[in-house]
Amino acid sequence: MGRARWMALVLSFLTYAFVGGAIRLCLPPLFPEISSSLNLTKTQIGTIWGMDPFAGFFVSLWAGLLIDRFGIRRTLSAVCILAGVGGALRSLCSSFFCLSWTMFFFGLFAAMIPTMGPKVVSTFFMGRHLGSVNGLMQLAMTGGAILGTLFSASVFSPLLGGWRYVLVLYSLPPIVIGLFWLFMGRQMEEAKGAFFGVPMMEALPLVIRRREVWAIGIAMMGMQTAFVGITGYLPTFLRDIGWRPIYADSALSIFTAISAASALPVSLFSDRIGSRKTVLIPSLLLGSASMMCFPLRHTLLLWILILLNGVLRGGLFPLFVALIVEQKGIGPRYAGTAVGTITSLGMLAGFLSQPLGMYFAGTFRGAGAFVVWGVICFVSLFALFLVEEEK
């Protein structure tokens, strides 16, 4: 049991880092180069970036049902390999239509990771350390995002000869990780066989009847709107207002680095005080307010807002996961389906909010998109007041 537990931790960490983080977040810094190469508008860029969460809306719930039904090894090995293949296919595109649909195909698999990962974590680490281990996974994801945002445009693109080769490079680790799941995952499943083979028609009706699941899902929609927006548009926005490209790309890398650094401390603090809502509600409130301040455009203030959003973002998803898994009647057995439900709602919001925000990008001194996303985040957080925490 001990060896299987730590094997699950290491493989989950790598999966979050490279499949949930690096291969997805390598794209935004490349958008200026891609836009110039394919002659894309800002609205088209927003639509392309939104295809990942849009695909996630369709598959997140199914991802939870699949991992609850077929187990860890088979589902994660297939998803990681197909995410790598889908990521590489993006490099072959020569039009908006092609890139949009290859992003959608890629998102069908990459977007499953935030749903499937908590199943592994809750199976092996359920209890007082659940929030902390989820925070560690968030650290892995944001650490992988740093590898994507910091090096894709500034280092790998000139080194390899353009954005297409960069996308191929970032597609290789997920395929390797998928093979590790395939050949090393059997021992983990045997160690925790009690949570394998939950019938879909048992899990889904039980989960979707819970009011708390929908309330947490609505709050997740606001959080995902803000996160997808800031990661997708920040480098382009900063370049448009006159920042040098290296500083604009570094700002997103610093945002993700701060998110990574704060994920574990925030989760540990939540475990210590024994409450998720006490951390989630103030964080969402402050985060939404800070996004509405982007129109001020003062360089020092923008850095403060970027750092603040990074700190606030770090621990949110792990706490949402812990909150839903700890609801009475959910637990590790139905963790995949429950997390899939709230994640699918978040992905839907991430897709719909991007073109909407970019439509208003020219307002509020070029920062109208951030204002729209901040308002959505603010309104949705009130759903958390309908959720009771299990003591």
Foldseek 3Di string as FASTA:
>chain_A
DVVLLVVLLVLLLLCLQQLQAQLLLLPQLQVVVLCVQQVDDQLLLLLLLLLLLLLLLVQLLVLLLCCLAAHDLPSLLVLLQQLLVLLLQCLVDRYSVSSSVSSNSSSNRSSNSLLNSLLSLLLNPPDLCLLLSLLSSLLSRLNSNLVSLQDNPPPCQVVVPHNSVSSNVSSPSSNVSSVCSNPPVPVSCVVRVVSYRDHSVVQQVVQVVDLQLVLLLLLLQLLLQLVSQCSNCQLVLCVVVPDDNNVSSVLSSLLSNLLSVQSNVLSVVCSVVVHLLVLQLVLLLVLLVLLLPCLVVDPVSVSVSSNSNSNSSNHHSSSSLVQQCQPPPCGSNNSSNSSSSSSSSNSNSNNVLSSVLSVCCPPSNRSSSSNSSSVSSNVSSVSCVVDDGDD
